[in-house]
């Protein structure tokens, strides 16, 4: 897919303020158990903590976490990670989380400061996504001023998240409905979208307990053998 080159912004790129948001409100119905998927542990740490560490390390301001199902437990785990990183994390509760992903985007969007130039959306279920992957999206935006910047897989296809939206595209996020997320917007984007190649493994979603077992086994290597998924956190 051809992407148009965007000219650099007149404003000093170093002064651009980019907010960041981890979406961690859903229940994750395909994941076994009563605890939310976000608290399932990979390599001894909840998925939401992996996501928040990546967000806190890429230089966004502010860093926002949207919670819903078992929100206090999810927030508690994430805030512990923020404390360890000596970074600030704003927690936003989405009481309408049952209505779908769009409600979490709206809840977080309402907390983005007026002075923010863009917003980075990060999923809570891609535990191999790291700060340097997110920084690549931020740098592309600062360099080009593209209205939308999304991670692309090995085939060059834009993923729904992580993805960055300039303020000029916030209205598109606000109009999302039901379980639609950023991917619904990116699917119809053409010249106003730039993509950044991210390794496929970093974009791997954990949708089920089996996904988590396979991913952790792949990281540890074949000699580690099958492992039992552990879950942390309370209600």
Protein backbone atom coordinates (compact mmCIF):
# COMPACT_ATOMS: atom_id res chain seq x y z
CA UNK A 1 0.00 0.00 0.00
CA UNK A 2 1.45 3.33 -1.01
CA UNK A 3 1.95 5.89 1.72
CA UNK A 4 2.22 9.61 1.09
CA UNK A 5 5.23 11.42 2.49
CA UNK A 6 4.34 14.14 4.94
CA UNK A 7 6.32 17.29 5.45
CA UNK A 8 7.82 18.11 8.84
CA UNK A 9 5.72 20.12 11.23
CA UNK A 10 6.49 23.82 11.65
CA UNK A 11 6.58 23.34 15.41
CA UNK A 12 9.79 22.05 16.97
CA UNK A 13 9.32 18.24 16.98
CA UNK A 14 10.99 18.06 20.39
CA UNK A 15 8.18 20.16 21.85
CA UNK A 16 5.36 18.00 20.55
CA UNK A 17 3.41 16.48 23.43
CA UNK A 18 2.23 12.93 22.85
CA UNK A 19 -0.11 11.26 25.32
CA UNK A 20 -0.16 7.49 25.65
CA UNK A 21 -2.89 5.06 26.67
CA UNK A 22 -2.95 1.38 27.60
CA UNK A 23 -6.38 -0.16 27.02
CA UNK A 24 -6.93 -2.71 29.79
CA UNK A 25 -10.64 -2.60 30.60
CA UNK A 26 -12.06 -5.69 28.90
CA UNK A 27 -12.73 -9.04 30.47
CA UNK A 28 -11.00 -11.15 27.82
CA UNK A 29 -13.75 -13.76 27.56
CA UNK A 30 -11.63 -16.16 25.53
CA UNK A 31 -9.22 -16.37 28.44
CA UNK A 32 -9.99 -18.96 31.09
CA UNK A 33 -10.73 -17.99 34.68
CA UNK A 34 -12.52 -15.29 36.59
CA UNK A 35 -9.58 -12.93 36.77
CA UNK A 36 -9.05 -10.59 33.84
CA UNK A 37 -6.60 -11.54 31.12
CA UNK A 38 -4.59 -8.43 31.95
CA UNK A 39 -3.50 -10.05 35.23
CA UNK A 40 -2.34 -13.31 33.66
CA UNK A 41 1.40 -13.53 34.20
CA UNK A 42 4.07 -14.07 31.60
CA UNK A 43 7.57 -14.64 32.95
CA UNK A 44 6.23 -13.84 36.41
CA UNK A 45 4.66 -10.49 35.57
CA UNK A 46 1.06 -9.57 34.64
CA UNK A 47 0.41 -8.68 31.02
CA UNK A 48 -0.76 -5.20 31.99
CA UNK A 49 2.59 -4.55 33.65
CA UNK A 50 4.48 -5.44 30.48
CA UNK A 51 2.29 -2.99 28.56
CA UNK A 52 2.63 -0.18 31.09
CA UNK A 53 6.39 -0.58 31.33
CA UNK A 54 6.66 -0.20 27.56
CA UNK A 55 4.42 2.88 27.60
CA UNK A 56 6.21 4.51 30.52
CA UNK A 57 9.56 3.95 28.84
CA UNK A 58 8.81 5.58 25.50
CA UNK A 59 8.40 9.17 26.68
CA UNK A 60 4.68 9.87 26.44
CA UNK A 61 3.06 12.59 28.57
CA UNK A 62 0.79 11.72 30.22
CA UNK A 63 0.70 7.94 30.43
CA UNK A 64 -2.89 6.74 30.91
CA UNK A 65 -4.27 3.34 31.87
CA UNK A 66 -7.94 2.58 31.21
CA UNK A 67 -9.40 -0.14 33.44
CA UNK A 68 -12.82 -1.74 33.73
CA UNK A 69 -13.35 -5.40 34.68
CA UNK A 70 -11.71 -5.95 38.09
CA UNK A 71 -10.29 -2.49 37.63
CA UNK A 72 -8.87 -2.04 41.12
CA UNK A 73 -6.74 -5.16 40.85
CA UNK A 74 -5.52 -4.26 37.37
CA UNK A 75 -4.71 -0.70 38.47
CA UNK A 76 -2.91 -1.92 41.57
CA UNK A 77 -0.58 -4.12 39.55
CA UNK A 78 0.09 -1.40 36.99
CA UNK A 79 0.75 1.28 39.59
CA UNK A 80 3.32 -0.94 41.23
CA UNK A 81 5.13 -1.10 37.90
CA UNK A 82 4.95 2.68 37.59
CA UNK A 83 6.38 3.07 41.09
CA UNK A 84 9.27 0.78 40.21
CA UNK A 85 9.88 2.83 37.07
CA UNK A 86 9.62 6.08 39.06
CA UNK A 87 7.08 7.30 36.55
CA UNK A 88 3.56 8.71 36.73
CA UNK A 89 0.61 6.69 35.52
CA UNK A 90 -2.93 8.08 35.40
CA UNK A 91 -5.66 5.50 35.94
CA UNK A 92 -9.05 6.04 34.32
CA UNK A 93 -12.02 3.82 35.20
CA UNK A 94 -14.40 2.94 32.38
CA UNK A 95 -17.73 1.96 33.96
CA UNK A 96 -19.11 1.18 30.49
CA UNK A 97 -16.44 -1.39 29.62
CA UNK A 98 -19.07 -4.03 28.85
CA UNK A 99 -20.21 -1.99 25.85
CA UNK A 100 -16.96 -2.65 24.02
CA UNK A 101 -13.50 -1.34 23.22
CA UNK A 102 -14.78 1.97 21.87
CA UNK A 103 -15.99 2.95 25.34
CA UNK A 104 -12.47 2.55 26.72
CA UNK A 105 -11.02 4.65 23.92
CA UNK A 106 -13.60 7.35 24.72
CA UNK A 107 -12.91 7.20 28.47
CA UNK A 108 -9.19 7.60 27.94
CA UNK A 109 -9.59 10.24 25.24
CA UNK A 110 -11.53 12.40 27.70
CA UNK A 111 -8.44 12.50 29.93
CA UNK A 112 -6.00 13.58 27.23
CA UNK A 113 -4.86 17.15 27.98
CA UNK A 114 -5.87 19.93 25.62
CA UNK A 115 -2.20 20.61 25.02
CA UNK A 116 -1.48 17.12 23.69
CA UNK A 117 -0.65 16.99 19.99
CA UNK A 118 -1.23 13.25 19.55
CA UNK A 119 -2.28 10.06 21.31
CA UNK A 120 -0.59 6.66 21.25
CA UNK A 121 -2.86 3.65 21.79
CA UNK A 122 -1.28 0.52 23.24
CA UNK A 123 -2.95 -2.87 23.83
CA UNK A 124 -2.57 -4.69 27.13
CA UNK A 125 -2.10 -8.11 25.55
CA UNK A 126 1.12 -7.81 23.51
CA UNK A 127 3.72 -8.58 26.19
CA UNK A 128 6.73 -8.55 23.84
CA UNK A 129 5.98 -5.00 22.71
CA UNK A 130 8.77 -2.87 24.16
CA UNK A 131 9.45 0.81 24.71
CA UNK A 132 11.76 1.05 21.72
CA UNK A 133 9.01 -0.25 19.43
CA UNK A 134 6.67 2.47 20.67
CA UNK A 135 9.41 5.09 20.46
CA UNK A 136 9.75 4.28 16.74
CA UNK A 137 6.12 5.30 16.21
CA UNK A 138 6.61 8.52 18.19
CA UNK A 139 9.76 9.39 16.26
CA UNK A 140 8.00 8.85 12.94
CA UNK A 141 5.24 11.22 13.99
CA UNK A 142 7.71 13.85 15.20
CA UNK A 143 9.70 13.60 11.99
CA UNK A 144 6.81 13.60 9.51
CA UNK A 145 3.74 15.05 11.21
CA UNK A 146 1.66 12.21 9.74
CA UNK A 147 -1.94 12.27 11.05
CA UNK A 148 -1.77 8.55 11.81
CA UNK A 149 1.17 6.23 12.44
CA UNK A 150 0.66 2.50 12.95
CA UNK A 151 2.78 -0.56 13.56
CA UNK A 152 3.05 -2.86 10.55
CA UNK A 153 3.68 -6.59 10.64
CA UNK A 154 6.19 -8.49 8.53
CA UNK A 155 3.82 -8.42 5.57
CA UNK A 156 3.54 -4.63 5.78
CA UNK A 157 -0.04 -4.68 7.02
CA UNK A 158 -0.99 -1.98 9.56
CA UNK A 159 -2.13 -3.32 12.92
CA UNK A 160 -4.92 -1.82 14.97
CA UNK A 161 -2.51 -1.26 17.84
CA UNK A 162 -0.12 0.10 18.70
CA UNK A 163 -1.09 3.15 16.70
CA UNK A 164 -0.72 6.91 17.03
CA UNK A 165 -3.33 9.51 16.13
CA UNK A 166 -2.69 13.23 15.76
CA UNK A 167 -5.20 15.57 17.41
CA UNK A 168 -6.71 16.23 13.99
CA UNK A 169 -7.89 12.60 14.05
CA UNK A 170 -9.25 12.51 17.61
CA UNK A 171 -12.77 12.98 16.23
CA UNK A 172 -12.45 9.65 14.42
CA UNK A 173 -11.58 7.94 17.70
CA UNK A 174 -14.52 9.63 19.42
CA UNK A 175 -16.93 8.27 16.80
CA UNK A 176 -16.01 4.62 17.32
CA UNK A 177 -18.87 2.40 18.46
CA UNK A 178 -19.27 -0.98 20.11
CA UNK A 179 -16.20 -3.20 20.06
CA UNK A 180 -14.51 -1.25 17.26
CA UNK A 181 -11.03 0.05 17.96
CA UNK A 182 -8.31 1.87 16.09
CA UNK A 183 -8.14 -0.90 13.49
CA UNK A 184 -11.53 0.14 12.14
CA UNK A 185 -10.08 3.58 11.35
CA UNK A 186 -6.78 2.36 9.96
CA UNK A 187 -8.52 -0.11 7.64
CA UNK A 188 -9.95 2.76 5.63
CA UNK A 189 -6.93 5.05 5.81
CA UNK A 190 -4.82 5.80 2.76
CA UNK A 191 -2.63 8.86 2.29
CA UNK A 192 -2.85 10.06 5.90
CA UNK A 193 -1.33 6.87 7.36
CA UNK A 194 2.32 5.96 7.74
CA UNK A 195 3.42 2.54 8.96
CA UNK A 196 6.46 1.51 10.98
CA UNK A 197 7.77 -2.07 10.69
CA UNK A 198 7.64 -3.89 14.03
CA UNK A 199 8.79 -7.51 14.45
CA UNK A 200 5.92 -9.98 14.26
CA UNK A 201 6.73 -11.47 17.65
CA UNK A 202 6.35 -8.06 19.31
CA UNK A 203 2.85 -7.80 17.83
CA UNK A 204 1.68 -11.22 19.00
CA UNK A 205 -1.64 -10.97 20.86
CA UNK A 206 -2.45 -13.11 23.86
CA UNK A 207 -6.12 -13.99 23.40
CA UNK A 208 -6.26 -17.32 25.22
CA UNK A 209 -4.43 -19.14 27.99
CA UNK A 210 -2.94 -21.43 25.36
CA UNK A 211 -1.53 -18.39 23.52
CA UNK A 212 0.23 -17.36 26.70
CA UNK A 213 1.70 -20.81 27.30
CA UNK A 214 3.00 -21.00 23.71
CA UNK A 215 4.48 -17.52 23.86
CA UNK A 216 6.25 -18.08 27.15
CA UNK A 217 7.52 -21.46 25.96
CA UNK A 218 8.90 -19.84 22.80
CA UNK A 219 10.73 -17.23 24.87
CA UNK A 220 12.23 -19.74 27.27
CA UNK A 221 13.20 -22.15 24.50
CA UNK A 222 12.31 -25.77 23.73
CA UNK A 223 14.24 -27.10 26.71
CA UNK A 224 11.89 -25.37 29.15
CA UNK A 225 8.98 -27.71 28.47
CA UNK A 226 5.29 -26.81 28.83
CA UNK A 227 4.42 -24.44 31.62
CA UNK A 228 1.28 -23.74 33.57
CA UNK A 229 -0.22 -20.30 33.13
CA UNK A 230 -0.22 -18.36 36.40
CA UNK A 231 -2.43 -15.42 37.27
CA UNK A 232 -1.77 -12.72 39.79
CA UNK A 233 -3.82 -10.03 41.46
CA UNK A 234 -7.06 -9.97 43.39
CA UNK A 235 -10.49 -8.63 42.86
